Amino acid sequence: MELETWGLMDPARFIEQIAGRHRLVAGLALLAVVEDPASKQAIKHVETLPIDSRIEHHPQATDVLYEAMQRLPLLDLADRDVRHSVVTVIVRPGLAVAGRNEAAWTLAWKHSNHLRHAFTGNLLLVTEHGWYDLMSEQGAAVPSMRST
């Protein structure tokens, strides 16, 4: 099976790199700019969002995502090739399976209307039970959410 342009080549390595840069605690929400995610998968920028990851409804994050996307170092729309994915990492307690929080994040992205030149569908969840990549459906027990 061929990997899509926007999919992470190695989600396990990605989340290990994120865990090496950030303390994965409940409520953390991050955006990571990944260049050429399906090949070299180079993390170019990571930003902490000023919102708790455990949102209940998408309007809570829609404006936050729009504003963050305006600040991220991404190519202009004039460039024909999309070479970046913006990966959302959310940390919350509970099972490492998609639930209502992840559905709210997905809708927040849909309604953010950021008009930036990047793929934004990747969402990784981290809980005390491990991590789960909603796009590839891969996951593992480590790294996991740290206790506060």
Protein backbone atom coordinates (compact mmCIF):
# COMPACT_ATOMS: atom_id res chain seq x y z
CA MET A 1 0.00 0.00 0.00
CA GLU A 2 1.39 3.38 -1.01
CA LEU A 3 1.44 6.14 1.59
CA GLU A 4 -0.53 9.28 0.78
CA THR A 5 1.42 12.55 0.51
CA TRP A 6 0.01 13.91 3.77
CA GLY A 7 0.40 10.75 5.89
CA LEU A 8 3.27 10.42 8.35
CA MET A 9 5.89 7.96 7.15
CA ASP A 10 6.61 6.84 10.73
CA PRO A 11 4.01 7.97 13.31
CA ALA A 12 5.89 6.14 16.09
CA ARG A 13 9.08 8.10 15.45
CA PHE A 14 7.07 11.33 15.15
CA ILE A 15 5.40 10.93 18.54
CA GLU A 16 8.73 9.93 20.15
CA GLN A 17 10.28 13.15 18.78
CA ILE A 18 7.36 15.19 20.12
CA ALA A 19 7.65 13.48 23.53
CA GLY A 20 11.34 14.40 23.54
CA ARG A 21 10.48 18.09 23.08
CA HIS A 22 7.35 18.44 25.22
CA ARG A 23 6.10 17.04 28.51
CA LEU A 24 2.94 15.19 27.45
CA VAL A 25 0.49 16.19 30.20
CA ALA A 26 -3.30 16.21 30.24
CA GLY A 27 -4.77 19.20 28.45
CA LEU A 28 -1.81 19.85 26.14
CA ALA A 29 -2.61 20.66 22.50
CA LEU A 30 0.21 21.03 19.97
CA LEU A 31 0.54 21.80 16.28
CA ALA A 32 3.60 20.43 14.49
CA VAL A 33 4.66 21.50 10.99
CA VAL A 34 6.09 18.46 9.22
CA GLU A 35 7.90 18.85 5.92
CA ASP A 36 7.50 15.98 3.43
CA PRO A 37 5.61 13.80 5.93
CA ALA A 38 5.47 10.74 3.66
CA SER A 39 9.22 10.70 2.99
CA LYS A 40 11.73 12.54 5.16
CA GLN A 41 9.18 13.52 7.84
CA ALA A 42 11.14 16.50 9.17
CA ILE A 43 9.55 18.38 12.07
CA LYS A 44 10.12 22.05 11.27
CA HIS A 45 8.11 23.77 14.00
CA VAL A 46 6.04 22.86 17.07
CA GLU A 47 3.64 25.26 18.74
CA THR A 48 1.62 24.85 21.94
CA LEU A 49 -1.97 25.97 21.47
CA PRO A 50 -3.47 28.28 24.12
CA ILE A 51 -6.41 25.95 24.73
CA ASP A 52 -7.07 22.82 26.74
CA SER A 53 -7.11 19.77 24.46
CA ARG A 54 -10.27 18.39 26.07
CA ILE A 55 -12.71 20.50 24.09
CA GLU A 56 -16.35 19.47 24.02
CA HIS A 57 -17.55 21.50 21.01
CA HIS A 58 -15.68 22.57 17.89
CA PRO A 59 -16.29 26.35 18.20
CA GLN A 60 -13.98 26.29 21.24
CA ALA A 61 -10.99 25.62 18.95
CA THR A 62 -11.97 26.99 15.53
CA ASP A 63 -10.59 30.51 16.04
CA VAL A 64 -7.54 29.20 17.90
CA LEU A 65 -6.65 27.00 14.92
CA TYR A 66 -7.22 29.82 12.44
CA GLU A 67 -4.95 32.18 14.38
CA ALA A 68 -2.25 29.55 14.87
CA MET A 69 -2.25 28.70 11.17
CA GLN A 70 -1.62 32.36 10.30
CA ARG A 71 1.57 32.29 12.44
CA LEU A 72 2.99 28.95 11.27
CA PRO A 73 5.99 28.95 8.91
CA LEU A 74 4.33 27.57 5.78
CA LEU A 75 4.78 28.13 2.05
CA ASP A 76 2.63 30.63 0.16
CA LEU A 77 -0.40 29.52 -1.83
CA ALA A 78 1.51 30.47 -5.01
CA ASP A 79 3.78 27.43 -4.56
CA ARG A 80 2.15 24.58 -6.49
CA ASP A 81 3.40 21.70 -4.34
CA VAL A 82 2.06 21.12 -0.86
CA ARG A 83 5.03 19.83 1.12
CA HIS A 84 3.83 20.33 4.69
CA SER A 85 1.37 18.70 7.03
CA VAL A 86 0.26 20.36 10.23
CA VAL A 87 -0.19 17.56 12.72
CA THR A 88 -2.38 18.09 15.77
CA VAL A 89 -1.27 16.33 18.95
CA ILE A 90 -3.81 16.27 21.75
CA VAL A 91 -3.17 14.89 25.21
CA ARG A 92 -6.03 13.81 27.43
CA PRO A 93 -6.87 11.10 29.97
CA GLY A 94 -8.88 8.08 28.93
CA LEU A 95 -8.61 5.35 26.38
CA ALA A 96 -6.36 5.84 23.35
CA VAL A 97 -9.28 5.66 20.92
CA ALA A 98 -11.08 8.37 19.00
CA GLY A 99 -13.96 9.89 20.93
CA ARG A 100 -15.99 13.07 21.20
CA ASN A 101 -12.94 15.29 21.86
CA GLU A 102 -11.30 14.12 18.66
CA ALA A 103 -14.54 14.61 16.74
CA ALA A 104 -14.68 18.19 18.05
CA TRP A 105 -11.07 18.81 16.91
CA THR A 106 -11.86 17.43 13.46
CA LEU A 107 -14.84 19.77 13.12
CA ALA A 108 -12.79 22.70 14.43
CA TRP A 109 -10.29 22.10 11.64
CA LYS A 110 -13.09 21.86 9.09
CA HIS A 111 -14.51 25.21 10.18
CA SER A 112 -11.20 27.04 10.73
CA ASN A 113 -11.02 28.31 7.10
CA HIS A 114 -7.33 29.03 7.52
CA LEU A 115 -6.52 29.13 3.76
CA ARG A 116 -2.90 28.08 4.30
CA HIS A 117 -0.85 25.83 2.04
CA ALA A 118 -0.69 22.64 4.16
CA PHE A 119 -2.53 19.44 4.89
CA THR A 120 -4.24 19.52 8.29
CA GLY A 121 -5.97 16.17 8.71
CA ASN A 122 -3.42 14.38 10.88
CA LEU A 123 -4.50 14.04 14.50
CA LEU A 124 -2.54 12.12 17.13
CA LEU A 125 -3.97 11.34 20.52
CA VAL A 126 -1.86 10.68 23.61
CA THR A 127 -3.34 9.23 26.81
CA GLU A 128 -2.04 7.37 29.86
CA HIS A 129 -2.53 4.17 27.82
CA GLY A 130 -0.27 5.29 24.96
CA TRP A 131 -0.75 7.06 21.66
CA TYR A 132 -2.98 6.60 18.62
CA ASP A 133 -2.71 8.11 15.13
CA LEU A 134 -6.26 8.59 13.87
CA MET A 135 -5.18 8.73 10.23
CA SER A 136 -3.02 5.60 10.02
CA GLU A 137 -4.75 3.80 12.91
CA GLN A 138 -1.34 2.98 14.39
CA GLY A 139 -0.57 3.25 18.06
CA ALA A 140 1.58 1.96 20.89
CA ALA A 141 1.81 1.99 24.67
CA VAL A 142 4.77 4.38 24.75
CA PRO A 143 5.23 7.26 24.80
CA SER A 144 2.22 8.02 26.93
CA MET A 145 0.71 10.88 28.88
CA ARG A 146 2.67 11.79 31.99
CA SER A 147 1.02 12.33 35.30
CA THR A 148 1.08 15.97 36.44
